[in-house]
Amino acid sequence: MQEHEKVALQLILMGVVIAMAKVLVSTEKLTLRVVLGRAILNGFTTLGAGGALIWISDLNMLAILGLGAFLGTLGSQFVESQAEKFVKDKVKSNEDK
């Protein structure tokens, strides 16, 4: 396995772990579908930290993982809130027709 593949897998795994931690501290009732969806979303949002290597090719691995944790925590919440807003707007516009 090449180095960039290892980094990608580490970032995805870290994102999934962050999502599972959020589920453990959450008080809302969750379904398996929501938990799996959040884990997948978080994993790939965290993977976006690898994009930093495009601008800073010699970035330290710890910095990449830190950026991944940041994106995995805040980035996925933003993506989820925007997706919910989009769906609600679509449902509302369909009800108005």
N, C-alpha and C. Protein backbone atom coordinates (compact mmCIF):
# COMPACT_ATOMS: atom_id res chain seq x y z
N MET A 1 0.86 -1.18 0.00
CA MET A 1 0.00 0.00 0.00
C MET A 1 0.90 1.24 0.00
N GLN A 2 0.59 2.18 -0.87
CA GLN A 2 1.39 3.38 -0.98
C GLN A 2 1.06 4.35 0.15
N GLU A 3 1.97 5.31 0.36
CA GLU A 3 1.83 6.24 1.49
C GLU A 3 0.53 7.05 1.41
N HIS A 4 0.18 7.55 0.23
CA HIS A 4 -1.04 8.36 0.13
C HIS A 4 -2.29 7.53 0.39
N GLU A 5 -2.25 6.24 0.09
CA GLU A 5 -3.38 5.37 0.40
C GLU A 5 -3.50 5.14 1.90
N LYS A 6 -2.36 5.02 2.58
CA LYS A 6 -2.37 4.86 4.04
C LYS A 6 -2.95 6.11 4.71
N VAL A 7 -2.53 7.27 4.23
CA VAL A 7 -3.04 8.53 4.79
C VAL A 7 -4.55 8.63 4.58
N ALA A 8 -5.02 8.29 3.40
CA ALA A 8 -6.46 8.35 3.11
C ALA A 8 -7.23 7.41 4.03
N LEU A 9 -6.74 6.20 4.22
CA LEU A 9 -7.43 5.26 5.11
C LEU A 9 -7.41 5.74 6.56
N GLN A 10 -6.29 6.32 7.00
CA GLN A 10 -6.22 6.84 8.36
C GLN A 10 -7.22 7.97 8.55
N LEU A 11 -7.34 8.86 7.57
CA LEU A 11 -8.28 9.97 7.68
C LEU A 11 -9.72 9.47 7.71
N ILE A 12 -10.05 8.52 6.84
CA ILE A 12 -11.41 7.98 6.84
C ILE A 12 -11.72 7.30 8.16
N LEU A 13 -10.79 6.49 8.66
CA LEU A 13 -10.99 5.81 9.94
C LEU A 13 -11.17 6.81 11.07
N MET A 14 -10.36 7.87 11.07
CA MET A 14 -10.49 8.88 12.11
C MET A 14 -11.86 9.55 12.04
N GLY A 15 -12.34 9.82 10.84
CA GLY A 15 -13.66 10.42 10.68
C GLY A 15 -14.76 9.53 11.20
N VAL A 16 -14.66 8.24 10.93
CA VAL A 16 -15.66 7.29 11.42
C VAL A 16 -15.63 7.22 12.94
N VAL A 17 -14.44 7.23 13.53
CA VAL A 17 -14.32 7.20 14.99
C VAL A 17 -14.92 8.47 15.60
N ILE A 18 -14.69 9.62 14.98
CA ILE A 18 -15.28 10.87 15.47
C ILE A 18 -16.80 10.79 15.41
N ALA A 19 -17.33 10.25 14.32
CA ALA A 19 -18.79 10.11 14.20
C ALA A 19 -19.35 9.20 15.27
N MET A 20 -18.67 8.10 15.55
CA MET A 20 -19.13 7.18 16.59
C MET A 20 -19.09 7.85 17.97
N ALA A 21 -18.06 8.66 18.20
CA ALA A 21 -17.98 9.38 19.47
C ALA A 21 -19.14 10.36 19.61
N LYS A 22 -19.49 11.04 18.52
CA LYS A 22 -20.63 11.96 18.55
C LYS A 22 -21.92 11.22 18.88
N VAL A 23 -22.06 10.02 18.33
CA VAL A 23 -23.26 9.21 18.60
C VAL A 23 -23.32 8.83 20.07
N LEU A 24 -22.18 8.48 20.65
CA LEU A 24 -22.14 8.06 22.05
C LEU A 24 -22.53 9.18 23.01
N VAL A 25 -22.21 10.42 22.67
CA VAL A 25 -22.54 11.53 23.57
C VAL A 25 -23.86 12.20 23.22
N SER A 26 -24.50 11.76 22.15
CA SER A 26 -25.75 12.36 21.71
C SER A 26 -26.91 11.89 22.58
N THR A 27 -27.88 12.77 22.77
CA THR A 27 -29.08 12.40 23.53
C THR A 27 -30.27 12.12 22.62
N GLU A 28 -30.11 12.40 21.32
CA GLU A 28 -31.23 12.16 20.40
C GLU A 28 -31.36 10.68 20.07
N LYS A 29 -32.59 10.30 19.71
CA LYS A 29 -32.85 8.91 19.33
C LYS A 29 -32.33 8.70 17.92
N LEU A 30 -31.45 7.73 17.75
CA LEU A 30 -30.82 7.49 16.46
C LEU A 30 -31.19 6.13 15.90
N THR A 31 -31.31 6.07 14.60
CA THR A 31 -31.54 4.80 13.93
C THR A 31 -30.22 4.32 13.33
N LEU A 32 -30.17 3.06 12.97
CA LEU A 32 -28.96 2.51 12.36
C LEU A 32 -28.63 3.26 11.07
N ARG A 33 -29.65 3.61 10.31
CA ARG A 33 -29.44 4.34 9.05
C ARG A 33 -28.77 5.69 9.29
N VAL A 34 -29.21 6.41 10.31
CA VAL A 34 -28.62 7.72 10.63
C VAL A 34 -27.18 7.55 11.11
N VAL A 35 -26.94 6.56 11.96
CA VAL A 35 -25.59 6.33 12.48
C VAL A 35 -24.64 6.00 11.34
N LEU A 36 -25.04 5.08 10.47
CA LEU A 36 -24.17 4.72 9.34
C LEU A 36 -23.98 5.89 8.38
N GLY A 37 -25.03 6.63 8.13
CA GLY A 37 -24.93 7.80 7.26
C GLY A 37 -23.97 8.83 7.80
N ARG A 38 -24.05 9.09 9.09
CA ARG A 38 -23.14 10.06 9.71
C ARG A 38 -21.70 9.55 9.69
N ALA A 39 -21.51 8.26 9.91
CA ALA A 39 -20.16 7.70 9.88
C ALA A 39 -19.55 7.84 8.49
N ILE A 40 -20.32 7.55 7.46
CA ILE A 40 -19.82 7.69 6.09
C ILE A 40 -19.54 9.15 5.77
N LEU A 41 -20.48 10.03 6.10
CA LEU A 41 -20.30 11.46 5.85
C LEU A 41 -19.07 11.98 6.56
N ASN A 42 -18.92 11.62 7.82
CA ASN A 42 -17.78 12.08 8.61
C ASN A 42 -16.47 11.56 8.03
N GLY A 43 -16.46 10.29 7.64
CA GLY A 43 -15.24 9.71 7.08
C GLY A 43 -14.77 10.45 5.84
N PHE A 44 -15.70 10.76 4.95
CA PHE A 44 -15.30 11.43 3.72
C PHE A 44 -15.09 12.92 3.90
N THR A 45 -15.75 13.54 4.87
CA THR A 45 -15.47 14.94 5.17
C THR A 45 -14.06 15.06 5.72
N THR A 46 -13.68 14.13 6.59
CA THR A 46 -12.34 14.12 7.16
C THR A 46 -11.30 13.90 6.07
N LEU A 47 -11.61 13.09 5.10
CA LEU A 47 -10.69 12.82 3.99
C LEU A 47 -10.34 14.11 3.25
N GLY A 48 -11.20 15.10 3.31
CA GLY A 48 -10.92 16.39 2.68
C GLY A 48 -9.66 17.05 3.19
N ALA A 49 -9.21 16.67 4.37
CA ALA A 49 -7.96 17.22 4.90
C ALA A 49 -6.78 16.85 4.01
N GLY A 50 -6.90 15.73 3.32
CA GLY A 50 -5.84 15.35 2.39
C GLY A 50 -5.68 16.36 1.27
N GLY A 51 -6.72 17.12 1.00
CA GLY A 51 -6.64 18.17 -0.01
C GLY A 51 -5.64 19.26 0.35
N ALA A 52 -5.34 19.40 1.64
CA ALA A 52 -4.34 20.38 2.07
C ALA A 52 -2.97 20.06 1.48
N LEU A 53 -2.75 18.80 1.17
CA LEU A 53 -1.46 18.41 0.59
C LEU A 53 -1.26 18.99 -0.81
N ILE A 54 -2.34 19.39 -1.46
CA ILE A 54 -2.22 20.02 -2.77
C ILE A 54 -1.51 21.36 -2.64
N TRP A 55 -1.82 22.10 -1.58
CA TRP A 55 -1.22 23.42 -1.38
C TRP A 55 0.10 23.34 -0.63
N ILE A 56 0.19 22.45 0.34
CA ILE A 56 1.40 22.33 1.16
C ILE A 56 1.85 20.88 1.09
N SER A 57 2.69 20.56 0.13
CA SER A 57 3.03 19.16 -0.13
C SER A 57 3.89 18.53 0.96
N ASP A 58 4.60 19.32 1.75
CA ASP A 58 5.45 18.75 2.80
C ASP A 58 4.81 18.89 4.19
N LEU A 59 3.49 18.94 4.24
CA LEU A 59 2.77 19.09 5.50
C LEU A 59 2.98 17.87 6.39
N ASN A 60 3.23 18.11 7.65
CA ASN A 60 3.47 17.06 8.64
C ASN A 60 2.21 16.20 8.80
N MET A 61 2.41 14.90 9.02
CA MET A 61 1.29 13.96 9.17
C MET A 61 0.38 14.36 10.34
N LEU A 62 0.96 14.83 11.44
CA LEU A 62 0.17 15.25 12.59
C LEU A 62 -0.72 16.44 12.22
N ALA A 63 -0.21 17.34 11.40
CA ALA A 63 -1.02 18.49 10.96
C ALA A 63 -2.17 18.02 10.07
N ILE A 64 -1.91 17.04 9.22
CA ILE A 64 -2.98 16.51 8.36
C ILE A 64 -4.07 15.86 9.21
N LEU A 65 -3.67 15.07 10.20
CA LEU A 65 -4.65 14.42 11.07
C LEU A 65 -5.42 15.44 11.90
N GLY A 66 -4.74 16.49 12.36
CA GLY A 66 -5.42 17.55 13.10
C GLY A 66 -6.44 18.27 12.25
N LEU A 67 -6.05 18.58 11.02
CA LEU A 67 -6.99 19.21 10.09
C LEU A 67 -8.15 18.27 9.79
N GLY A 68 -7.85 16.99 9.67
CA GLY A 68 -8.90 15.99 9.44
C GLY A 68 -9.89 15.94 10.59
N ALA A 69 -9.37 16.00 11.82
CA ALA A 69 -10.25 15.99 12.99
C ALA A 69 -11.14 17.23 13.00
N PHE A 70 -10.56 18.36 12.67
CA PHE A 70 -11.33 19.61 12.61
C PHE A 70 -12.43 19.51 11.56
N LEU A 71 -12.06 19.08 10.35
CA LEU A 71 -13.06 18.96 9.29
C LEU A 71 -14.09 17.88 9.60
N GLY A 72 -13.65 16.80 10.22
CA GLY A 72 -14.58 15.72 10.56
C GLY A 72 -15.60 16.14 11.59
N THR A 73 -15.19 17.00 12.51
CA THR A 73 -16.10 17.44 13.57
C THR A 73 -17.02 18.55 13.08
N LEU A 74 -16.44 19.63 12.61
CA LEU A 74 -17.26 20.78 12.22
C LEU A 74 -17.77 20.69 10.80
N GLY A 75 -16.97 20.13 9.92
CA GLY A 75 -17.36 20.04 8.51
C GLY A 75 -18.58 19.18 8.29
N SER A 76 -18.63 18.03 8.96
CA SER A 76 -19.77 17.13 8.75
C SER A 76 -21.04 17.71 9.34
N GLN A 77 -20.93 18.45 10.44
CA GLN A 77 -22.12 19.09 11.01
C GLN A 77 -22.66 20.14 10.04
N PHE A 78 -21.76 20.87 9.39
CA PHE A 78 -22.18 21.87 8.40
C PHE A 78 -22.86 21.19 7.21
N VAL A 79 -22.22 20.15 6.69
CA VAL A 79 -22.79 19.44 5.54
C VAL A 79 -24.15 18.86 5.90
N GLU A 80 -24.27 18.27 7.09
CA GLU A 80 -25.54 17.68 7.52
C GLU A 80 -26.62 18.75 7.66
N SER A 81 -26.28 19.90 8.25
CA SER A 81 -27.28 20.95 8.42
C SER A 81 -27.72 21.52 7.07
N GLN A 82 -26.80 21.64 6.13
CA GLN A 82 -27.15 22.14 4.80
C GLN A 82 -28.02 21.14 4.05
N ALA A 83 -27.73 19.85 4.21
CA ALA A 83 -28.54 18.81 3.56
C ALA A 83 -29.96 18.81 4.13
N GLU A 84 -30.08 18.94 5.46
CA GLU A 84 -31.41 19.00 6.09
C GLU A 84 -32.19 20.21 5.59
N LYS A 85 -31.51 21.35 5.50
CA LYS A 85 -32.16 22.57 5.02
C LYS A 85 -32.62 22.40 3.58
N PHE A 86 -31.79 21.80 2.75
CA PHE A 86 -32.13 21.57 1.35
C PHE A 86 -33.37 20.68 1.23
N VAL A 87 -33.39 19.59 2.00
CA VAL A 87 -34.53 18.66 1.94
C VAL A 87 -35.80 19.34 2.43
N LYS A 88 -35.72 20.08 3.53
CA LYS A 88 -36.90 20.78 4.05
C LYS A 88 -37.42 21.80 3.05
N ASP A 89 -36.51 22.52 2.39
CA ASP A 89 -36.93 23.49 1.38
C ASP A 89 -37.62 22.81 0.21
N LYS A 90 -37.09 21.66 -0.22
CA LYS A 90 -37.70 20.93 -1.33
C LYS A 90 -39.08 20.40 -0.95
N VAL A 91 -39.21 19.87 0.26
CA VAL A 91 -40.50 19.36 0.72
C VAL A 91 -41.51 20.49 0.80
N LYS A 92 -41.08 21.63 1.33
CA LYS A 92 -41.97 22.78 1.46
C LYS A 92 -42.40 23.29 0.09
N SER A 93 -41.47 23.35 -0.86
CA SER A 93 -41.84 23.84 -2.19
C SER A 93 -42.77 22.87 -2.91
N ASN A 94 -42.63 21.58 -2.65
CA ASN A 94 -43.54 20.59 -3.24
C ASN A 94 -44.92 20.65 -2.61
N GLU A 95 -44.99 20.98 -1.32
CA GLU A 95 -46.28 21.11 -0.64
C GLU A 95 -47.02 22.35 -1.11
N ASP A 96 -46.28 23.40 -1.47
CA ASP A 96 -46.89 24.65 -1.92
C ASP A 96 -47.48 24.53 -3.32
N LYS A 97 -47.08 23.53 -4.07
CA LYS A 97 -47.56 23.39 -5.46
C LYS A 97 -48.93 22.79 -5.51
